[in-house]
Amino acid sequence: MKVLYLSYFSPPHLHAAANRSQRFAQYLARTGCEVQLVREQCTSRFSRQESPACWQHEALIANQAIVSWNIEWLWRRQENVHWGWVIPSLWQCCLHIMANRPDVIMVSCPPFSSSLVGYYLSRWFDLPLVLDFQDGWSRASYFAAGKISCWEKLALKQATKLVVTSQSDWIAYQRLVGEDKVVWIPNSYDFVLDHASKNNTVFTLGYCGTWDSFRRSAKGILCQLAAAPFSFRFINIGDSQPDFVALVEQYALTDSVVMIGQVEKKQGQDVLAQCDALFIQNGPPDRGKKDTHLAAKAVDYVASGRPILAELPEGETLSFLRRYAGKLHEVNIGDPEGYQQQLNALYQQWQQNPQQVYRSSDEFYQAFDARVLASRLYRILNEARA
């Protein structure tokens, strides 16, 4: 089976979506598929690995990097659409299809402009289209109008199958396009940790991700850590935004907070494996909405076997953690006393048994295994081709 795979965020991009695209492409290639991966050429706007050698051993995957047009400045606010990618990628994909016609087109979103590239290619060349929505478009919980756009309607109508990563999106998009068209394939975990890597001299709490201040803010956790009656270390893996650095200085935590920049996922997991507990946070969704996104880090956190401190609104990610986390401590910035109690409980657990690992259920390890999920995608592509 020949697969034309459009994935704007692919290695050496360090965007959270890049790992999913790489895993899928690798699995498809190893099952005998001929994969042509079209990705965005890394620019200074996004963090990336130091060397693009991540594909050099993937002889079965032909990958082409395309430079987007620099037209984002035309929009007053930053958009998660990246229109400058559309025409360059559309042109190159047309050339590829005419030279080596694929059996199916797969498109990873975001950015959602990629779905329009897939729409036109599918329509012009009469090829089946599979869309992989790693987040909702109009159905998103944050910064979405909630009203489906004409572009989304066109893309969904043209698609043979729509893949989504959360149960909430699965239900929402079934209402839009029908039950038979929507498939749930969540993100997978990358490793299972069955032991503590080392004994830390101080309690170490880890976080992987970025802080954007308006949806994800470190104010709650840093405020509580500053008031903690015990010594600690907080490891932050991800881009250090100015607001985060300012909070660290405001609470006089410079000596306790370790800031590691955005790194390749394997390197980040090696650091998290050294933590005694892991922290996850998200602000409340837009008014009247529920959190419908399953955070990719939540899957990795559960697989790590570490206790999880969760500052989350009601919704998909919190429900997932309640079901699968081996040890979960829920906190709320509206209840500072309860927040401090949960932090103290984590610390006491670590003091009593620093080597304790909290395994999830067998159901989790099977349902979120990368090979199981990639094989499901392979079947979907085969069905679409047929």
Protein backbone atom coordinates (compact mmCIF):
# COMPACT_ATOMS: atom_id res chain seq x y z
CA MET A 1 0.00 0.00 0.00
CA LYS A 2 1.34 3.42 -0.98
CA VAL A 3 0.62 6.15 1.59
CA LEU A 4 1.08 9.88 1.05
CA TYR A 5 1.39 11.16 4.62
CA LEU A 6 1.13 14.91 5.23
CA SER A 7 2.36 15.82 8.70
CA TYR A 8 3.37 19.43 9.26
CA PHE A 9 4.76 18.59 12.70
CA SER A 10 7.22 15.73 12.20
CA PRO A 11 10.76 15.26 13.52
CA PRO A 12 13.02 17.16 13.79
CA HIS A 13 10.15 19.37 15.01
CA LEU A 14 9.79 19.02 18.80
CA HIS A 15 6.06 19.77 18.74
CA ALA A 16 3.99 17.29 20.76
CA ALA A 17 2.32 16.02 17.57
CA ALA A 18 5.62 15.02 15.95
CA ASN A 19 6.05 11.82 17.96
CA ARG A 20 2.67 10.43 16.87
CA SER A 21 3.44 11.05 13.20
CA GLN A 22 6.84 9.42 13.45
CA ARG A 23 5.48 6.33 15.20
CA PHE A 24 2.72 5.87 12.64
CA ALA A 25 5.07 6.35 9.69
CA GLN A 26 7.57 3.87 11.13
CA TYR A 27 4.93 1.21 11.75
CA LEU A 28 3.39 1.58 8.30
CA ALA A 29 6.81 1.30 6.66
CA ARG A 30 7.68 -1.82 8.64
CA THR A 31 4.45 -3.51 7.60
CA GLY A 32 5.47 -3.10 3.96
CA CYS A 33 3.80 0.19 3.10
CA GLU A 34 5.56 2.65 0.83
CA VAL A 35 5.38 5.86 2.86
CA GLN A 36 5.97 9.30 1.38
CA LEU A 37 6.06 11.71 4.33
CA VAL A 38 5.63 15.41 3.59
CA ARG A 39 6.60 17.64 6.50
CA GLU A 40 7.29 21.29 7.20
CA GLN A 41 10.87 22.48 7.05
CA CYS A 42 11.82 23.55 10.56
CA THR A 43 11.95 27.30 10.98
CA SER A 44 12.99 29.47 13.88
CA ARG A 45 9.37 29.72 15.00
CA PHE A 46 9.34 26.21 16.45
CA SER A 47 11.83 24.28 18.57
CA ARG A 48 13.58 21.43 16.84
CA GLN A 49 16.24 18.81 17.36
CA GLU A 50 19.79 19.93 16.78
CA SER A 51 20.20 17.54 13.86
CA PRO A 52 17.55 16.30 11.41
CA ALA A 53 19.18 12.84 11.48
CA CYS A 54 16.02 11.33 13.01
CA TRP A 55 14.98 9.91 9.63
CA GLN A 56 18.36 8.76 8.32
CA HIS A 57 17.86 5.15 9.43
CA GLU A 58 14.31 4.99 8.06
CA ALA A 59 15.15 3.70 4.59
CA LEU A 60 11.53 2.68 4.02
CA ILE A 61 10.24 6.23 4.56
CA ALA A 62 10.81 8.88 1.91
CA ASN A 63 10.40 12.23 3.60
CA GLN A 64 10.35 15.66 2.04
CA ALA A 65 10.64 18.94 3.94
CA ILE A 66 8.73 21.90 2.52
CA VAL A 67 9.31 25.51 3.50
CA SER A 68 6.14 27.44 4.33
CA TRP A 69 5.56 30.91 2.99
CA ASN A 70 6.22 33.55 5.62
CA ILE A 71 2.75 35.09 5.69
CA GLU A 72 1.72 34.56 9.33
CA TRP A 73 2.32 38.26 10.00
CA LEU A 74 -0.81 39.01 7.98
CA TRP A 75 -2.93 37.86 10.93
CA ARG A 76 -3.16 40.06 14.00
CA ARG A 77 -3.23 37.13 16.38
CA GLN A 78 -1.34 33.89 16.17
CA GLU A 79 -3.38 31.24 14.39
CA ASN A 80 -3.06 27.48 14.68
CA VAL A 81 -3.71 27.14 10.96
CA HIS A 82 -0.43 28.15 9.28
CA TRP A 83 -1.83 29.15 5.90
CA GLY A 84 1.67 29.64 4.53
CA TRP A 85 2.02 25.86 4.35
CA VAL A 86 -0.93 25.28 2.02
CA ILE A 87 0.26 26.25 -1.46
CA PRO A 88 3.88 24.99 -1.21
CA SER A 89 2.78 21.59 0.14
CA LEU A 90 -0.14 21.34 -2.30
CA TRP A 91 2.18 21.96 -5.24
CA GLN A 92 4.80 19.42 -4.14
CA CYS A 93 2.16 16.78 -3.38
CA CYS A 94 0.61 17.23 -6.82
CA LEU A 95 4.01 16.60 -8.40
CA HIS A 96 4.50 13.52 -6.25
CA ILE A 97 1.07 12.06 -7.06
CA MET A 98 1.61 12.50 -10.78
CA ALA A 99 4.99 10.76 -10.52
CA ASN A 100 4.02 8.00 -8.08
CA ARG A 101 0.28 7.76 -7.40
CA PRO A 102 -0.49 6.66 -3.81
CA ASP A 103 -3.34 4.41 -2.72
CA VAL A 104 -4.44 6.67 0.12
CA ILE A 105 -3.72 10.13 1.54
CA MET A 106 -3.34 10.60 5.28
CA VAL A 107 -3.23 14.06 6.84
CA SER A 108 -2.25 14.91 10.42
CA CYS A 109 -3.82 17.98 12.06
CA PRO A 110 -3.08 20.48 13.55
CA PRO A 111 -2.42 22.69 11.77
CA PHE A 112 -5.86 22.41 10.21
CA SER A 113 -4.67 24.02 6.98
CA SER A 114 -3.23 20.58 6.22
CA SER A 115 -6.75 19.17 5.99
CA LEU A 116 -7.45 21.57 3.12
CA VAL A 117 -4.36 20.32 1.30
CA GLY A 118 -5.72 16.81 1.73
CA TYR A 119 -9.17 17.92 0.60
CA TYR A 120 -7.94 19.32 -2.72
CA LEU A 121 -5.58 16.41 -3.40
CA SER A 122 -8.32 13.89 -2.68
CA ARG A 123 -10.80 15.72 -4.87
CA TRP A 124 -8.49 16.49 -7.79
CA PHE A 125 -6.93 13.02 -7.99
CA ASP A 126 -9.89 10.94 -6.76
CA LEU A 127 -7.96 9.43 -3.84
CA PRO A 128 -9.30 8.31 -0.44
CA LEU A 129 -8.52 10.73 2.39
CA VAL A 130 -7.94 9.90 6.07
CA LEU A 131 -7.74 12.83 8.49
CA ASP A 132 -6.02 12.51 11.87
CA PHE A 133 -7.36 15.22 14.21
CA GLN A 134 -5.10 15.25 17.26
CA ASP A 135 -7.32 17.98 18.69
CA GLY A 136 -10.77 19.21 17.84
CA TRP A 137 -11.17 21.98 15.26
CA SER A 138 -14.52 23.66 15.87
CA ARG A 139 -15.09 21.12 18.65
CA ALA A 140 -12.04 22.27 20.67
CA SER A 141 -12.47 23.37 24.29
CA TYR A 142 -10.19 26.39 24.04
CA PHE A 143 -10.22 29.39 21.69
CA ALA A 144 -12.74 27.86 19.28
CA ALA A 145 -15.93 29.53 18.16
CA GLY A 146 -17.79 26.24 18.45
CA LYS A 147 -19.37 26.86 15.07
CA ILE A 148 -18.14 24.65 12.26
CA SER A 149 -16.44 26.60 9.46
CA CYS A 150 -16.96 26.07 5.75
CA TRP A 151 -13.36 24.78 5.49
CA GLU A 152 -13.96 22.15 8.15
CA LYS A 153 -17.23 21.11 6.50
CA LEU A 154 -15.48 20.59 3.16
CA ALA A 155 -12.63 18.58 4.65
CA LEU A 156 -14.89 16.35 6.73
CA LYS A 157 -17.26 15.72 3.84
CA GLN A 158 -14.40 14.71 1.55
CA ALA A 159 -12.69 12.47 4.11
CA THR A 160 -13.25 8.73 3.93
CA LYS A 161 -12.30 8.36 7.60
CA LEU A 162 -11.67 10.75 10.49
CA VAL A 163 -9.32 9.67 13.28
CA VAL A 164 -9.56 11.45 16.67
CA THR A 165 -7.56 11.07 19.88
CA SER A 166 -10.18 11.54 22.60
CA GLN A 167 -13.50 9.91 23.43
CA SER A 168 -15.13 13.35 23.66
CA ASP A 169 -14.07 14.23 20.11
CA TRP A 170 -15.17 10.78 18.95
CA ILE A 171 -18.69 11.43 20.21
CA ALA A 172 -18.80 15.05 18.99
CA TYR A 173 -17.63 14.28 15.46
CA GLN A 174 -19.93 11.28 15.16
CA ARG A 175 -22.80 13.72 15.56
CA LEU A 176 -21.35 15.84 12.76
CA VAL A 177 -20.35 13.27 10.16
CA GLY A 178 -21.87 9.94 11.21
CA GLU A 179 -20.78 6.99 13.32
CA ASP A 180 -19.18 4.97 10.52
CA LYS A 181 -16.71 7.68 9.53
CA VAL A 182 -15.10 8.46 12.93
CA VAL A 183 -12.46 6.26 14.58
CA TRP A 184 -10.81 6.66 17.98
CA ILE A 185 -7.03 6.13 18.05
CA PRO A 186 -5.50 7.83 21.11
CA ASN A 187 -1.86 8.67 21.65
CA SER A 188 0.34 5.86 22.93
CA TYR A 189 2.89 5.63 25.70
CA ASP A 190 6.54 5.24 24.77
CA PHE A 191 7.94 3.32 27.69
CA VAL A 192 6.87 1.46 30.83
CA LEU A 193 8.92 2.17 33.94
CA ASP A 194 8.82 -0.67 36.46
CA HIS A 195 11.40 0.73 38.86
CA ALA A 196 12.58 4.03 40.30
CA SER A 197 15.70 5.18 38.51
CA LYS A 198 17.52 6.52 41.53
CA ASN A 199 17.15 7.81 45.06
CA ASN A 200 16.87 11.60 45.10
CA THR A 201 18.22 13.51 48.07
CA VAL A 202 15.21 15.85 47.89
CA PHE A 203 11.66 15.26 46.73
CA THR A 204 11.59 15.85 42.95
CA LEU A 205 8.46 16.88 41.05
CA GLY A 206 8.58 16.91 37.24
CA TYR A 207 6.56 18.66 34.54
CA CYS A 208 6.80 18.27 30.77
CA GLY A 209 5.29 20.97 28.56
CA THR A 210 5.11 24.70 28.05
CA TRP A 211 3.41 27.46 30.00
CA ASP A 212 1.36 29.90 27.96
CA SER A 213 0.08 31.84 31.02
CA PHE A 214 -3.54 32.08 29.82
CA ARG A 215 -4.44 28.37 29.58
CA ARG A 216 -1.49 26.75 31.32
CA SER A 217 -0.13 28.69 34.26
CA ALA A 218 2.47 27.61 36.81
CA LYS A 219 1.23 30.12 39.38
CA GLY A 220 -0.77 27.58 41.38
CA ILE A 221 1.95 24.97 41.75
CA LEU A 222 4.79 27.45 42.35
CA CYS A 223 2.76 29.31 44.98
CA GLN A 224 2.10 26.06 46.85
CA LEU A 225 5.67 24.81 46.53
CA ALA A 226 6.94 28.11 47.93
CA ALA A 227 4.83 27.47 51.04
CA ALA A 228 5.82 23.80 51.37
CA PRO A 229 7.49 22.87 54.70
CA PHE A 230 9.97 20.51 53.00
CA SER A 231 12.85 20.75 50.55
CA PHE A 232 12.04 19.98 46.94
CA ARG A 233 13.20 20.23 43.36
CA PHE A 234 10.86 21.10 40.47
CA ILE A 235 12.08 20.04 37.02
CA ASN A 236 10.47 21.84 34.10
CA ILE A 237 11.01 20.31 30.65
CA GLY A 238 9.94 22.66 27.88
CA ASP A 239 10.39 26.19 26.64
CA SER A 240 10.80 28.59 29.56
CA GLN A 241 8.35 31.39 28.87
CA PRO A 242 9.11 34.83 30.38
CA ASP A 243 6.01 34.63 32.59
CA PHE A 244 7.18 31.32 34.04
CA VAL A 245 10.65 32.68 34.78
CA ALA A 246 9.05 35.74 36.40
CA LEU A 247 6.94 33.50 38.67
CA VAL A 248 10.00 31.51 39.71
CA GLU A 249 11.73 34.74 40.70
CA GLN A 250 8.60 36.13 42.36
CA TYR A 251 8.33 33.13 44.69
CA ALA A 252 12.11 33.02 45.28
CA LEU A 253 12.40 29.50 43.85
CA THR A 254 15.44 30.03 41.64
CA ASP A 255 17.49 27.48 43.59
CA SER A 256 14.70 24.87 43.59
CA VAL A 257 13.46 25.02 40.00
CA VAL A 258 15.47 23.35 37.24
CA MET A 259 14.61 24.60 33.76
CA ILE A 260 15.41 22.23 30.92
CA GLY A 261 14.59 23.48 27.45
CA GLN A 262 12.42 21.63 24.96
CA VAL A 263 14.15 18.37 24.11
CA GLU A 264 13.56 15.26 22.01
CA LYS A 265 10.97 13.04 23.67
CA LYS A 266 13.31 10.21 24.62
CA GLN A 267 15.61 12.63 26.40
CA GLY A 268 12.67 14.21 28.18
CA GLN A 269 11.42 10.84 29.36
CA ASP A 270 14.84 9.98 30.75
CA VAL A 271 14.62 13.10 32.90
CA LEU A 272 11.03 12.40 34.00
CA ALA A 273 12.06 8.87 34.97
CA GLN A 274 14.27 10.43 37.64
CA CYS A 275 11.33 12.28 39.22
CA ASP A 276 9.48 11.10 42.31
CA ALA A 277 6.13 12.48 41.12
CA LEU A 278 4.78 14.18 38.00
CA PHE A 279 2.66 17.30 37.65
CA ILE A 280 0.01 18.05 35.02
CA GLN A 281 -1.97 21.26 34.71
CA ASN A 282 -4.56 22.92 32.51
CA GLY A 283 -6.79 25.91 33.02
CA PRO A 284 -10.58 25.89 32.68
CA PRO A 285 -11.96 25.65 29.11
CA ASP A 286 -13.97 28.36 27.42
CA ARG A 287 -17.20 29.25 29.20
CA GLY A 288 -19.89 26.65 28.78
CA LYS A 289 -17.47 24.03 27.46
CA LYS A 290 -15.84 20.92 28.85
CA ASP A 291 -12.22 19.87 28.41
CA THR A 292 -12.40 17.45 25.46
CA HIS A 293 -8.68 16.97 24.81
CA LEU A 294 -6.73 13.99 26.12
CA ALA A 295 -3.26 15.36 26.85
CA ALA A 296 -0.54 13.17 25.34
CA LYS A 297 1.61 13.65 28.43
CA ALA A 298 -1.11 12.06 30.58
CA VAL A 299 -0.64 8.73 28.78
CA ASP A 300 3.13 8.82 29.31
CA TYR A 301 2.68 9.87 32.93
CA VAL A 302 0.47 6.86 33.68
CA ALA A 303 2.91 4.49 31.98
CA SER A 304 5.77 5.88 34.07
CA GLY A 305 4.25 4.48 37.25
CA ARG A 306 4.85 7.73 39.10
CA PRO A 307 2.33 9.41 41.42
CA ILE A 308 0.56 12.20 39.54
CA LEU A 309 -0.39 15.60 40.92
CA ALA A 310 -3.22 16.90 38.73
CA GLU A 311 -4.44 20.50 38.61
CA LEU A 312 -7.08 19.95 35.94
CA PRO A 313 -10.65 20.96 35.10
CA GLU A 314 -13.33 18.31 34.72
CA GLY A 315 -13.06 16.65 31.33
CA GLU A 316 -11.27 14.11 29.19
CA THR A 317 -7.78 14.19 30.72
CA LEU A 318 -8.95 14.12 34.33
CA SER A 319 -11.40 11.28 33.62
CA PHE A 320 -8.59 9.33 31.95
CA LEU A 321 -6.30 9.79 34.96
CA ARG A 322 -9.04 8.79 37.40
CA ARG A 323 -9.49 5.57 35.47
CA TYR A 324 -5.89 4.59 34.77
CA ALA A 325 -3.42 6.40 37.05
CA GLY A 326 -1.80 4.12 39.62
CA LYS A 327 -1.71 6.98 42.14
CA LEU A 328 -3.54 10.26 41.56
CA HIS A 329 -3.67 13.40 43.71
CA GLU A 330 -6.23 15.95 42.51
CA VAL A 331 -5.78 19.60 43.45
CA ASN A 332 -7.56 22.87 42.78
CA ILE A 333 -6.18 26.41 43.04
CA GLY A 334 -9.51 27.40 44.59
CA ASP A 335 -8.69 25.19 47.57
CA PRO A 336 -5.15 26.14 48.68
CA GLU A 337 -5.42 24.21 51.93
CA GLY A 338 -6.38 21.02 50.11
CA TYR A 339 -3.62 21.67 47.57
CA GLN A 340 -1.03 21.84 50.35
CA GLN A 341 -2.40 18.66 51.95
CA GLN A 342 -1.98 16.73 48.70
CA LEU A 343 1.58 18.02 48.28
CA ASN A 344 2.40 16.91 51.83
CA ALA A 345 0.84 13.51 51.16
CA LEU A 346 3.06 13.07 48.09
CA TYR A 347 6.12 14.03 50.10
CA GLN A 348 5.28 11.62 52.92
CA GLN A 349 4.73 8.76 50.45
CA TRP A 350 8.15 9.47 48.97
CA GLN A 351 9.79 9.53 52.41
CA GLN A 352 8.24 6.20 53.38
CA ASN A 353 8.96 4.38 50.11
CA PRO A 354 10.98 6.34 47.54
CA GLN A 355 11.23 3.31 45.24
CA GLN A 356 7.47 2.70 45.01
CA VAL A 357 6.07 2.28 41.49
CA TYR A 358 2.32 2.55 40.92
CA ARG A 359 1.45 0.40 37.94
CA SER A 360 -1.75 0.93 36.00
CA SER A 361 -4.17 -1.81 34.96
CA ASP A 362 -3.46 -4.40 32.29
CA GLU A 363 -6.26 -2.77 30.30
CA PHE A 364 -4.22 0.43 30.04
CA TYR A 365 -1.02 -1.23 28.84
CA GLN A 366 -2.90 -3.09 26.13
CA ALA A 367 -5.23 -0.28 25.01
CA PHE A 368 -2.50 2.36 24.69
CA ASP A 369 0.31 0.23 23.31
CA ALA A 370 1.90 1.93 20.29
CA ARG A 371 1.86 -1.23 18.16
CA VAL A 372 -1.80 -1.93 18.88
CA LEU A 373 -2.81 1.62 17.95
CA ALA A 374 -0.65 1.73 14.83
CA SER A 375 -2.09 -1.58 13.64
CA ARG A 376 -5.56 -0.08 14.05
CA LEU A 377 -4.50 2.82 11.84
CA TYR A 378 -3.18 0.37 9.23
CA ARG A 379 -6.59 -1.33 9.11
CA ILE A 380 -8.32 2.04 8.72
CA LEU A 381 -6.08 2.98 5.80
CA ASN A 382 -6.73 -0.39 4.18
CA GLU A 383 -10.47 0.08 4.56
CA ALA A 384 -10.25 3.57 3.10
CA ARG A 385 -8.28 2.29 0.13
CA ALA A 386 -10.88 -0.38 -0.49
